[in-house]
Amino acid sequence: MNNDFFTNKATSENKAEERIFTKPDREGRASFIEREVDRFDFEGYEVVRREFFSKANCPAITIKYGSIIFNIRAIRKLNECKFIQILINTEKKLMIVKPCEEDEKDSLQCSRVDKNGKVVTRAITGKLFTAQLFQDMKWNIESTVKILGTLETCKGERIFVFDLSNAEAYLHLAEPSEDNPKRRKRVPFMPEHWQGNYGQSYEESQKQLITTFDGVPEGFVKITIPQLPHRKPPDEKILKPPNDDVLKPPESILPINLFAASSVSSNMNTLNERGKEVQEDGT
């Protein structure tokens, strides 16, 4: 181990003592002592991205054209909230998700309670939002994008920050086999700036993603995802005929306007004719 990693004022006696305690005996056993140092020197070290490992227990958002959905881990980290607001910073390429009340402006439902009383995730439909986001980030519209979130806390409020520049994309590419000619394989794609490094430097990783989030942070805008109109039940649908004339009654059974002058004169003529016929029959 490089001793330059630790910076303290160890004397030569302490170093000799450490050699005695750390040297294995004949049976291969070794005793170690705990070293106390003033500070660690992390210069030149990189913090390995968690995206390089399993993401089973990581809070994440999945985005595809037409909808977004948060995994249950993210919902639980936000105290199983039911409604959220989404904020976007186009310059920093950051997305903030913060809990809110149902009646607040631009609130979106991200979870629900199933029939067993458990909180489960709920997909949020928004074709206009995803189309604009895919265009701004230059993502493949046919891909599924997954982004891991960073939990931030301030004054008792929890939010998630998603770095859009660190999004992973997944495409289903054709990979036919003898048994299944239509077989498709899910292939992951990583951002170009991930190549050649393991992650951010230690100093960069310690910087806060956002400085404040009281209300709407500076540089962020609220995103309103349009909700699709609710479909009417089948019994409420009114079927319109292709031709409006189908519903019109024949002229022979059209109602007569008794107050029209033409109708009054025609009716009087009819009565006079019938009266003459009755007189002739009676004579």
Protein backbone atom coordinates (compact mmCIF):
# COMPACT_ATOMS: atom_id res chain seq x y z
CA MET A 1 0.00 0.00 0.00
CA ASN A 2 1.25 3.48 -0.86
CA ASN A 3 1.83 5.39 2.36
CA ASP A 4 1.20 8.67 0.55
CA PHE A 5 -2.53 7.87 0.80
CA PHE A 6 -2.40 8.63 4.53
CA THR A 7 -1.15 11.96 5.87
CA ASN A 8 -0.19 12.01 9.55
CA LYS A 9 2.81 12.71 11.74
CA ALA A 10 3.85 9.15 12.49
CA THR A 11 7.22 8.73 14.16
CA SER A 12 9.82 6.13 13.26
CA GLU A 13 8.97 4.23 16.45
CA ASN A 14 5.33 3.97 15.42
CA LYS A 15 6.34 2.68 12.01
CA ALA A 16 8.59 0.04 13.58
CA GLU A 17 5.78 -0.98 15.88
CA GLU A 18 3.44 -1.36 12.90
CA ARG A 19 5.92 -3.66 11.17
CA ILE A 20 6.02 -5.91 14.22
CA PHE A 21 2.25 -6.14 14.47
CA THR A 22 1.59 -6.61 10.77
CA LYS A 23 4.26 -9.23 10.08
CA PRO A 24 2.73 -12.74 9.80
CA ASP A 25 3.99 -15.43 12.15
CA ARG A 26 5.18 -18.89 11.11
CA GLU A 27 1.62 -20.22 11.01
CA GLY A 28 0.59 -17.49 8.62
CA ARG A 29 -1.45 -15.53 11.11
CA ALA A 30 -1.13 -11.76 11.24
CA SER A 31 -2.29 -9.14 13.71
CA PHE A 32 -3.30 -5.69 12.53
CA ILE A 33 -3.60 -2.45 14.38
CA GLU A 34 -5.97 0.40 13.62
CA ARG A 35 -4.20 3.43 12.27
CA GLU A 36 -5.56 6.87 13.02
CA VAL A 37 -4.72 9.53 10.46
CA ASP A 38 -5.46 13.22 10.09
CA ARG A 39 -7.15 12.89 6.69
CA PHE A 40 -7.30 10.77 3.54
CA ASP A 41 -5.91 12.01 0.27
CA PHE A 42 -8.40 11.06 -2.49
CA GLU A 43 -6.68 13.03 -5.23
CA GLY A 44 -6.57 11.02 -8.45
CA TYR A 45 -9.27 8.56 -7.34
CA GLU A 46 -12.57 8.06 -9.13
CA VAL A 47 -15.83 7.02 -7.50
CA VAL A 48 -17.09 4.04 -9.51
CA ARG A 49 -20.55 4.60 -10.97
CA ARG A 50 -23.29 2.53 -9.42
CA GLU A 51 -24.72 2.05 -12.93
CA PHE A 52 -21.86 -0.42 -13.51
CA PHE A 53 -23.36 -2.76 -10.92
CA SER A 54 -26.73 -4.37 -10.30
CA LYS A 55 -29.58 -1.87 -10.11
CA ALA A 56 -32.06 -4.14 -8.34
CA ASN A 57 -32.33 -1.99 -5.20
CA CYS A 58 -31.61 1.42 -6.74
CA PRO A 59 -34.29 4.13 -7.03
CA ALA A 60 -34.84 4.72 -10.72
CA ILE A 61 -37.14 6.12 -13.37
CA THR A 62 -37.89 4.36 -16.64
CA ILE A 63 -38.82 6.49 -19.64
CA LYS A 64 -40.12 5.36 -22.98
CA TYR A 65 -42.09 7.11 -25.66
CA GLY A 66 -45.55 7.67 -24.27
CA SER A 67 -45.02 7.07 -20.54
CA ILE A 68 -42.74 7.28 -17.51
CA ILE A 69 -42.75 5.14 -14.38
CA PHE A 70 -40.84 5.15 -11.08
CA ASN A 71 -39.84 1.90 -9.43
CA ILE A 72 -41.18 1.01 -6.00
CA ARG A 73 -37.81 1.77 -4.39
CA ALA A 74 -38.09 5.43 -5.40
CA ILE A 75 -41.70 5.62 -4.19
CA ARG A 76 -40.75 4.24 -0.78
CA LYS A 77 -37.84 6.66 -0.45
CA LEU A 78 -40.35 9.49 -0.90
CA ASN A 79 -42.45 8.13 1.99
CA GLU A 80 -44.78 6.31 -0.41
CA CYS A 81 -46.11 9.54 -1.83
CA LYS A 82 -48.98 9.35 -4.29
CA PHE A 83 -48.60 12.63 -6.19
CA ILE A 84 -45.47 14.38 -7.46
CA GLN A 85 -44.31 17.36 -9.48
CA ILE A 86 -41.63 17.08 -12.17
CA LEU A 87 -39.14 19.92 -12.72
CA ILE A 88 -36.63 20.14 -15.57
CA ASN A 89 -33.39 22.12 -15.93
CA THR A 90 -32.55 22.06 -19.62
CA GLU A 91 -29.12 23.65 -19.21
CA LYS A 92 -27.87 21.33 -16.44
CA LYS A 93 -29.83 18.37 -17.84
CA LEU A 94 -31.29 17.56 -14.44
CA MET A 95 -34.76 16.40 -13.48
CA ILE A 96 -36.23 16.94 -10.01
CA VAL A 97 -39.13 14.91 -8.66
CA LYS A 98 -40.76 16.26 -5.51
CA PRO A 99 -43.84 15.08 -3.59
CA CYS A 100 -46.92 17.29 -3.57
CA GLU A 101 -50.59 17.29 -2.71
CA GLU A 102 -53.24 16.02 -5.08
CA ASP A 103 -54.82 19.44 -5.62
CA GLU A 104 -51.56 21.29 -6.27
CA LYS A 105 -50.95 22.67 -9.75
CA ASP A 106 -49.26 20.26 -12.17
CA SER A 107 -49.52 17.32 -9.76
CA LEU A 108 -49.12 13.84 -11.28
CA GLN A 109 -50.12 10.52 -9.76
CA CYS A 110 -47.11 8.18 -9.56
CA SER A 111 -48.47 5.42 -7.30
CA ARG A 112 -51.70 3.81 -6.13
CA VAL A 113 -52.99 1.35 -3.56
CA ASP A 114 -53.94 -2.08 -4.89
CA LYS A 115 -56.76 -4.30 -3.67
CA ASN A 116 -54.47 -5.82 -1.02
CA GLY A 117 -53.70 -2.41 0.48
CA LYS A 118 -50.13 -2.29 -0.85
CA VAL A 119 -48.61 0.78 -2.49
CA VAL A 120 -47.62 -0.01 -6.08
CA THR A 121 -46.22 2.11 -8.88
CA ARG A 122 -48.39 3.70 -11.55
CA ALA A 123 -47.31 4.61 -15.05
CA ILE A 124 -47.78 8.26 -16.03
CA THR A 125 -48.95 8.76 -19.60
CA GLY A 126 -47.48 11.69 -21.50
CA LYS A 127 -46.68 11.41 -25.20
CA LEU A 128 -46.00 15.13 -25.67
CA PHE A 129 -43.61 15.25 -22.71
CA THR A 130 -41.64 12.14 -23.71
CA ALA A 131 -41.46 13.21 -27.35
CA GLN A 132 -39.97 16.57 -26.38
CA LEU A 133 -37.59 14.98 -23.85
CA PHE A 134 -36.31 12.40 -26.36
CA GLN A 135 -35.76 15.15 -28.89
CA ASP A 136 -33.93 17.46 -26.47
CA MET A 137 -31.68 14.68 -25.15
CA LYS A 138 -31.14 13.17 -28.63
CA TRP A 139 -32.28 9.74 -27.46
CA ASN A 140 -33.47 7.02 -29.81
CA ILE A 141 -37.27 7.20 -29.82
CA GLU A 142 -37.49 3.39 -29.95
CA SER A 143 -35.32 2.88 -26.87
CA THR A 144 -36.23 2.50 -23.21
CA VAL A 145 -34.26 4.88 -20.98
CA LYS A 146 -33.42 4.20 -17.34
CA ILE A 147 -31.95 6.77 -14.94
CA LEU A 148 -30.90 6.24 -11.32
CA GLY A 149 -31.94 8.90 -8.82
CA THR A 150 -30.07 10.67 -6.02
CA LEU A 151 -32.04 11.41 -2.86
CA GLU A 152 -31.67 14.93 -1.45
CA THR A 153 -33.11 16.19 1.86
CA CYS A 154 -33.62 19.77 2.98
CA LYS A 155 -35.74 21.04 5.87
CA GLY A 156 -37.48 17.71 6.17
CA GLU A 157 -38.48 17.60 2.48
CA ARG A 158 -37.25 14.76 0.31
CA ILE A 159 -36.75 14.97 -3.42
CA PHE A 160 -35.07 12.92 -6.12
CA VAL A 161 -32.58 14.35 -8.59
CA PHE A 162 -32.08 12.50 -11.89
CA ASP A 163 -29.08 13.31 -14.06
CA LEU A 164 -30.39 13.01 -17.62
CA SER A 165 -26.85 12.95 -19.05
CA ASN A 166 -26.22 9.62 -17.25
CA ALA A 167 -29.18 7.82 -18.79
CA GLU A 168 -28.81 4.25 -20.00
CA ALA A 169 -30.69 3.20 -23.12
CA TYR A 170 -31.97 -0.28 -23.95
CA LEU A 171 -32.94 -1.50 -27.40
CA HIS A 172 -34.49 -4.80 -28.45
CA LEU A 173 -32.41 -5.92 -31.42
CA ALA A 174 -33.11 -8.91 -33.62
CA GLU A 175 -31.02 -11.96 -32.78
CA PRO A 176 -32.62 -14.94 -34.54
CA SER A 177 -31.74 -18.50 -33.63
CA GLU A 178 -32.58 -21.91 -35.06
CA ASP A 179 -35.28 -22.50 -32.47
CA ASN A 180 -36.72 -18.99 -32.60
CA PRO A 181 -36.22 -16.99 -35.80
CA LYS A 182 -38.05 -14.00 -34.26
CA ARG A 183 -35.86 -13.88 -31.15
CA ARG A 184 -34.91 -10.40 -29.94
CA LYS A 185 -32.23 -9.47 -27.44
CA ARG A 186 -32.28 -6.56 -24.98
CA VAL A 187 -29.04 -4.67 -25.55
CA PRO A 188 -27.88 -1.88 -23.19
CA PHE A 189 -26.15 1.29 -24.42
CA MET A 190 -24.20 3.63 -22.17
CA PRO A 191 -23.43 7.35 -22.64
CA GLU A 192 -20.33 8.18 -24.62
CA HIS A 193 -18.70 10.15 -21.78
CA TRP A 194 -18.58 6.97 -19.65
CA GLN A 195 -15.88 5.47 -21.84
CA GLY A 196 -12.33 5.58 -20.54
CA ASN A 197 -13.21 6.24 -16.87
CA TYR A 198 -14.96 4.63 -13.91
CA GLY A 199 -16.84 7.71 -12.75
CA GLN A 200 -16.41 11.18 -11.33
CA SER A 201 -13.39 12.22 -9.33
CA TYR A 202 -13.87 12.15 -5.59
CA GLU A 203 -13.92 15.94 -5.40
CA GLU A 204 -16.63 16.19 -8.09
CA SER A 205 -18.74 13.50 -6.46
CA GLN A 206 -18.92 15.52 -3.23
CA LYS A 207 -20.54 18.51 -4.93
CA GLN A 208 -24.28 18.95 -4.51
CA LEU A 209 -26.36 18.47 -7.61
CA ILE A 210 -28.62 21.37 -6.65
CA THR A 211 -28.10 24.17 -4.17
CA THR A 212 -31.68 24.68 -3.02
CA PHE A 213 -35.15 23.47 -3.80
CA ASP A 214 -37.39 25.79 -1.82
CA GLY A 215 -40.37 26.03 -4.15
CA VAL A 216 -38.92 25.93 -7.66
CA PRO A 217 -35.08 25.90 -7.79
CA GLU A 218 -33.34 28.48 -9.94
CA GLY A 219 -32.98 27.33 -13.51
CA PHE A 220 -35.78 24.76 -13.28
CA VAL A 221 -39.22 24.80 -14.85
CA LYS A 222 -42.26 22.74 -14.02
CA ILE A 223 -43.30 20.15 -16.56
CA THR A 224 -47.00 19.52 -17.12
CA ILE A 225 -47.72 16.13 -18.63
CA PRO A 226 -51.03 16.28 -20.51
CA GLN A 227 -53.54 13.70 -19.40
CA LEU A 228 -55.42 11.77 -22.05
CA PRO A 229 -59.23 12.20 -22.02
CA HIS A 230 -61.17 9.48 -20.23
CA ARG A 231 -62.97 7.03 -22.45
CA LYS A 232 -66.75 6.90 -22.12
CA PRO A 233 -68.35 3.58 -21.15
CA PRO A 234 -69.97 1.70 -24.03
CA ASP A 235 -73.51 2.41 -22.77
CA GLU A 236 -72.87 6.17 -22.82
CA LYS A 237 -71.75 6.24 -26.42
CA ILE A 238 -74.25 7.75 -28.89
CA LEU A 239 -74.00 6.18 -32.32
CA LYS A 240 -74.52 8.69 -35.11
CA PRO A 241 -75.81 7.40 -38.45
CA PRO A 242 -73.62 8.02 -41.47
CA ASN A 243 -76.44 9.97 -43.13
CA ASP A 244 -78.53 12.46 -41.18
CA ASP A 245 -81.49 11.91 -43.52
CA VAL A 246 -82.03 8.44 -42.09
CA LEU A 247 -83.55 9.88 -38.93
CA LYS A 248 -85.84 12.32 -40.79
CA PRO A 249 -89.51 11.15 -41.03
CA PRO A 250 -91.23 11.07 -44.40
CA GLU A 251 -92.97 14.22 -45.55
CA SER A 252 -96.35 12.48 -45.27
CA ILE A 253 -96.01 12.22 -41.50
CA LEU A 254 -94.35 15.56 -40.84
CA PRO A 255 -96.14 17.56 -38.11
CA ILE A 256 -98.39 20.34 -39.37
CA ASN A 257 -97.95 23.82 -38.03
CA LEU A 258 -101.49 24.70 -37.11
CA PHE A 259 -100.65 28.39 -36.79
CA ALA A 260 -99.33 28.81 -40.34
CA ALA A 261 -101.60 30.62 -42.76
CA SER A 262 -101.23 27.99 -45.49
CA SER A 263 -102.12 25.21 -43.07
CA VAL A 264 -105.24 27.02 -41.85
CA SER A 265 -106.57 27.64 -45.39
CA SER A 266 -105.93 24.05 -46.49
CA ASN A 267 -107.64 22.69 -43.41
CA MET A 268 -110.73 24.89 -43.98
CA ASN A 269 -110.97 23.72 -47.59
CA THR A 270 -110.84 20.12 -46.44
CA LEU A 271 -113.64 20.67 -43.92
CA ASN A 272 -115.85 22.40 -46.53
CA GLU A 273 -115.45 19.54 -48.98
CA ARG A 274 -116.35 16.98 -46.30
CA GLY A 275 -119.46 19.04 -45.36
CA LYS A 276 -120.68 19.01 -48.96
CA GLU A 277 -120.26 15.26 -49.14
CA VAL A 278 -122.33 14.80 -45.98
CA GLN A 279 -125.14 17.02 -47.35
CA GLU A 280 -125.28 15.14 -50.64
CA ASP A 281 -125.49 11.79 -48.85
CA GLY A 282 -128.29 13.08 -46.65
CA THR A 283 -130.47 14.33 -49.50
